[in-house]
Amino acid sequence: MDNEKETKKKLLECAMREFSEKGYMKASLRNICKEAGVTTGALYFFFKDKEDLFGNLVSDVLYGLNKTIDNHFSEEMKVAESYESTERSVAELAAEHGFDDDEAVAREVIHYLFSHKDVVDLLLTKSQGSRYESIRDVMVEKMERHYTSLYVVWKGYKSKKQLTKEDKFIIHWLSHDQVEIVIHIFTHCKNAKEGEKQIDKMMAYLIGGWYGVINY
């Protein structure tokens, strides 16, 4: 059992180097096995195929990221729904609720990404050809689903059917903007400390944009 764990660990370490250097499409399972000192048969004992191997490198980090975001979204919806029957403006509700939670979660996300920098780099720059290559779009869709529900509450709509074409356009744009801002910080800042400092300013911009649109 210990030998199996060591073999799997070695394969994952070698796979990380191979995918990081060559990207998913050009990475060679044969090279990974050679580097790990095992046969291809040993690799297939642990992993179904190349994509399964890549998935083993990135799936845990993705799960942790999604869990953090989902927990925040759940709390955010509870707050919004608790105000649903009030007649106060979104600006008043924002002043009462504040931005601390949003900024804290944003900093947590930035810290998390930098804590798993090698894996996040794989997802953003080396996943072309795998089922993870559209990770940006997947995250935008995730944001868009949540903010669509939130927008309906904020605007006092009875259902999503009341969303106009303009509503949908701005929700998509702001969701896309949020994802790209986080990616920009991750790719342009040297470390988590610098990234966390920048995200506070970006969140002020994003939150102000959302409330500006709601009250427009």
Protein backbone atom coordinates (compact mmCIF):
# COMPACT_ATOMS: atom_id res chain seq x y z
CA MET A 1 0.00 0.00 0.00
CA ASP A 2 2.80 2.43 0.91
CA ASN A 3 4.54 1.65 -2.39
CA GLU A 4 1.34 2.41 -4.30
CA LYS A 5 0.96 5.76 -2.54
CA GLU A 6 4.56 6.65 -3.31
CA THR A 7 4.18 5.63 -6.95
CA LYS A 8 1.03 7.72 -7.36
CA LYS A 9 2.68 10.68 -5.65
CA LYS A 10 5.70 10.40 -7.93
CA LEU A 11 3.50 10.23 -11.03
CA LEU A 12 1.61 13.35 -9.97
CA GLU A 13 4.84 15.23 -9.28
CA CYS A 14 6.24 14.31 -12.68
CA ALA A 15 2.91 15.08 -14.36
CA MET A 16 2.88 18.54 -12.78
CA ARG A 17 6.29 19.28 -14.28
CA GLU A 18 5.37 17.88 -17.68
CA PHE A 19 2.05 19.75 -17.94
CA SER A 20 3.62 22.96 -16.61
CA GLU A 21 6.42 22.86 -19.16
CA LYS A 22 4.51 21.66 -22.23
CA GLY A 23 0.81 22.23 -21.59
CA TYR A 24 -1.90 19.60 -21.68
CA MET A 25 -1.88 18.95 -25.43
CA LYS A 26 1.86 18.46 -25.83
CA ALA A 27 2.47 16.66 -22.55
CA SER A 28 3.54 13.04 -22.99
CA LEU A 29 2.36 10.25 -20.71
CA ARG A 30 5.39 8.27 -21.82
CA ASN A 31 7.70 11.04 -20.62
CA ILE A 32 5.83 11.25 -17.32
CA CYS A 33 6.22 7.52 -16.76
CA LYS A 34 9.89 7.60 -17.75
CA GLU A 35 10.53 10.46 -15.33
CA ALA A 36 8.67 8.63 -12.58
CA GLY A 37 10.55 5.41 -13.30
CA VAL A 38 7.42 3.33 -13.94
CA THR A 39 5.71 1.65 -16.87
CA THR A 40 2.67 3.10 -18.65
CA GLY A 41 0.75 0.19 -17.20
CA ALA A 42 1.46 1.54 -13.73
CA LEU A 43 0.09 4.93 -14.73
CA TYR A 44 -3.14 3.38 -16.01
CA PHE A 45 -3.49 1.51 -12.73
CA PHE A 46 -4.03 4.88 -11.02
CA PHE A 47 -5.49 7.05 -13.78
CA LYS A 48 -7.97 6.31 -16.55
CA ASP A 49 -6.28 8.54 -19.12
CA LYS A 50 -4.40 11.77 -19.64
CA GLU A 51 -7.37 13.93 -18.69
CA ASP A 52 -7.95 11.98 -15.49
CA LEU A 53 -4.30 12.54 -14.59
CA PHE A 54 -4.64 16.28 -15.24
CA GLY A 55 -7.88 16.33 -13.27
CA ASN A 56 -6.17 14.78 -10.27
CA LEU A 57 -3.79 17.72 -10.25
CA VAL A 58 -6.44 20.45 -10.38
CA SER A 59 -9.75 19.10 -9.07
CA ASP A 60 -9.09 19.53 -5.33
CA VAL A 61 -8.06 23.16 -5.79
CA LEU A 62 -11.13 23.84 -7.93
CA TYR A 63 -13.35 22.22 -5.32
CA GLY A 64 -11.92 24.41 -2.57
CA LEU A 65 -12.35 27.55 -4.67
CA ASN A 66 -15.96 26.71 -5.56
CA LYS A 67 -16.77 25.91 -1.95
CA THR A 68 -15.52 29.31 -0.79
CA ILE A 69 -17.50 31.11 -3.48
CA ASP A 70 -20.67 29.05 -2.96
CA ASN A 71 -20.65 29.68 0.79
CA HIS A 72 -20.40 33.42 0.19
CA PHE A 73 -23.13 33.36 -2.44
CA SER A 74 -25.44 31.48 -0.08
CA GLU A 75 -24.96 34.06 2.65
CA GLU A 76 -25.32 36.91 0.19
CA MET A 77 -28.67 35.59 -1.03
CA LYS A 78 -29.92 35.23 2.55
CA VAL A 79 -29.10 38.87 3.23
CA ALA A 80 -30.74 40.03 0.00
CA GLU A 81 -33.89 37.99 0.59
CA SER A 82 -34.17 39.32 4.15
CA TYR A 83 -34.53 42.79 2.63
CA GLU A 84 -36.91 41.70 -0.10
CA SER A 85 -40.07 42.93 1.62
CA THR A 86 -38.64 46.32 2.59
CA GLU A 87 -39.15 49.54 0.69
CA ARG A 88 -35.65 50.87 1.28
CA SER A 89 -33.39 51.61 -1.67
CA VAL A 90 -30.46 49.41 -2.58
CA ALA A 91 -28.16 52.26 -1.56
CA GLU A 92 -29.66 52.26 1.93
CA LEU A 93 -29.35 48.50 2.19
CA ALA A 94 -25.74 48.67 1.00
CA ALA A 95 -24.93 51.28 3.63
CA GLU A 96 -26.42 49.05 6.31
CA HIS A 97 -24.90 45.79 5.08
CA GLY A 98 -21.54 47.28 4.13
CA PHE A 99 -18.84 45.80 1.91
CA ASP A 100 -16.72 44.09 4.54
CA ASP A 101 -17.97 40.57 3.79
CA ASP A 102 -17.45 40.98 0.04
CA GLU A 103 -13.96 42.35 0.46
CA ALA A 104 -13.03 39.68 3.01
CA VAL A 105 -14.11 36.88 0.67
CA ALA A 106 -12.32 38.51 -2.26
CA ARG A 107 -9.11 38.63 -0.22
CA GLU A 108 -9.66 35.00 0.79
CA VAL A 109 -10.00 34.01 -2.86
CA ILE A 110 -6.83 35.87 -3.83
CA HIS A 111 -4.91 34.28 -0.95
CA TYR A 112 -6.25 30.85 -1.95
CA LEU A 113 -5.20 31.26 -5.58
CA PHE A 114 -1.67 32.29 -4.65
CA SER A 115 -1.47 29.43 -2.15
CA HIS A 116 -2.04 27.07 -5.07
CA LYS A 117 -0.21 29.08 -7.71
CA ASP A 118 1.22 26.14 -9.68
CA VAL A 119 -2.19 24.52 -10.07
CA VAL A 120 -3.96 27.77 -10.93
CA ASP A 121 -1.29 28.48 -13.55
CA LEU A 122 -2.03 25.07 -15.05
CA LEU A 123 -5.73 25.86 -15.25
CA LEU A 124 -5.29 29.31 -16.74
CA THR A 125 -2.43 28.74 -19.17
CA LYS A 126 -1.82 25.02 -19.70
CA SER A 127 -5.27 23.38 -19.89
CA GLN A 128 -6.04 23.88 -23.59
CA GLY A 129 -7.27 20.60 -25.06
CA SER A 130 -8.65 19.33 -21.76
CA ARG A 131 -12.14 19.70 -20.34
CA TYR A 132 -10.77 22.44 -18.11
CA GLU A 133 -9.75 24.75 -20.96
CA SER A 134 -12.93 26.85 -20.63
CA ILE A 135 -12.44 27.48 -16.89
CA ARG A 136 -12.82 31.24 -17.41
CA ASP A 137 -16.22 30.79 -19.07
CA VAL A 138 -17.31 28.29 -16.43
CA MET A 139 -16.55 30.79 -13.67
CA VAL A 140 -18.31 33.60 -15.54
CA GLU A 141 -21.40 31.40 -15.89
CA LYS A 142 -21.23 30.66 -12.17
CA MET A 143 -21.12 34.38 -11.35
CA GLU A 144 -23.87 35.10 -13.84
CA ARG A 145 -26.28 32.53 -12.36
CA HIS A 146 -25.82 33.95 -8.89
CA TYR A 147 -26.00 37.61 -9.86
CA THR A 148 -29.07 36.99 -11.98
CA SER A 149 -30.89 35.69 -8.90
CA LEU A 150 -29.53 38.54 -6.79
CA TYR A 151 -30.44 41.13 -9.41
CA VAL A 152 -34.06 39.94 -9.46
CA VAL A 153 -34.29 40.51 -5.71
CA TRP A 154 -32.47 43.85 -5.87
CA LYS A 155 -34.76 45.17 -8.60
CA GLY A 156 -37.90 43.90 -6.90
CA TYR A 157 -38.83 41.68 -9.84
CA LYS A 158 -41.25 38.82 -9.23
CA SER A 159 -39.23 36.40 -11.36
CA LYS A 160 -36.39 36.14 -13.85
CA LYS A 161 -38.96 36.51 -16.64
CA GLN A 162 -39.02 40.23 -15.92
CA LEU A 163 -35.36 40.64 -16.78
CA THR A 164 -34.92 42.80 -19.85
CA LYS A 165 -32.35 42.31 -22.59
CA GLU A 166 -30.42 45.23 -21.09
CA ASP A 167 -30.56 43.61 -17.62
CA LYS A 168 -29.10 40.37 -18.95
CA PHE A 169 -26.41 42.23 -20.86
CA ILE A 170 -25.17 44.14 -17.82
CA ILE A 171 -25.32 41.09 -15.55
CA HIS A 172 -23.17 39.14 -17.99
CA TRP A 173 -20.72 41.99 -18.45
CA LEU A 174 -20.25 42.63 -14.73
CA SER A 175 -19.92 38.88 -14.03
CA HIS A 176 -17.27 38.63 -16.73
CA ASP A 177 -15.53 41.73 -15.37
CA GLN A 178 -15.38 40.23 -11.88
CA VAL A 179 -13.70 37.04 -13.07
CA GLU A 180 -11.22 38.91 -15.25
CA ILE A 181 -10.29 41.28 -12.43
CA VAL A 182 -9.38 38.36 -10.17
CA ILE A 183 -7.38 36.71 -12.95
CA HIS A 184 -5.65 40.01 -13.74
CA ILE A 185 -4.59 40.42 -10.12
CA PHE A 186 -3.37 36.83 -9.96
CA THR A 187 -1.31 37.15 -13.14
CA HIS A 188 0.07 40.64 -12.49
CA CYS A 189 0.79 40.70 -8.75
CA LYS A 190 3.92 39.12 -7.32
CA ASN A 191 2.32 37.52 -4.30
CA ALA A 192 -0.82 37.21 -2.18
CA LYS A 193 -0.01 40.27 -0.07
CA GLU A 194 0.19 42.52 -3.10
CA GLY A 195 -2.88 40.88 -4.62
CA GLU A 196 -4.97 41.31 -1.48
CA LYS A 197 -4.07 45.00 -1.39
CA GLN A 198 -5.19 45.49 -4.99
CA ILE A 199 -8.41 43.50 -4.64
CA ASP A 200 -9.83 45.92 -2.07
CA LYS A 201 -9.71 48.73 -4.64
CA MET A 202 -11.14 46.51 -7.34
CA MET A 203 -13.99 45.38 -5.11
CA ALA A 204 -14.88 49.01 -4.37
CA TYR A 205 -15.11 49.53 -8.13
CA LEU A 206 -17.19 46.38 -8.70
CA ILE A 207 -19.60 46.93 -5.82
CA GLY A 208 -20.04 50.57 -6.74
CA GLY A 209 -20.75 49.49 -10.31
CA TRP A 210 -23.40 46.99 -9.24
CA TYR A 211 -25.24 49.44 -7.01
CA GLY A 212 -24.93 52.15 -9.64
CA VAL A 213 -26.64 49.90 -12.17
CA ILE A 214 -29.35 48.82 -9.74
CA ASN A 215 -30.22 52.43 -8.93
CA TYR A 216 -29.93 53.66 -12.51
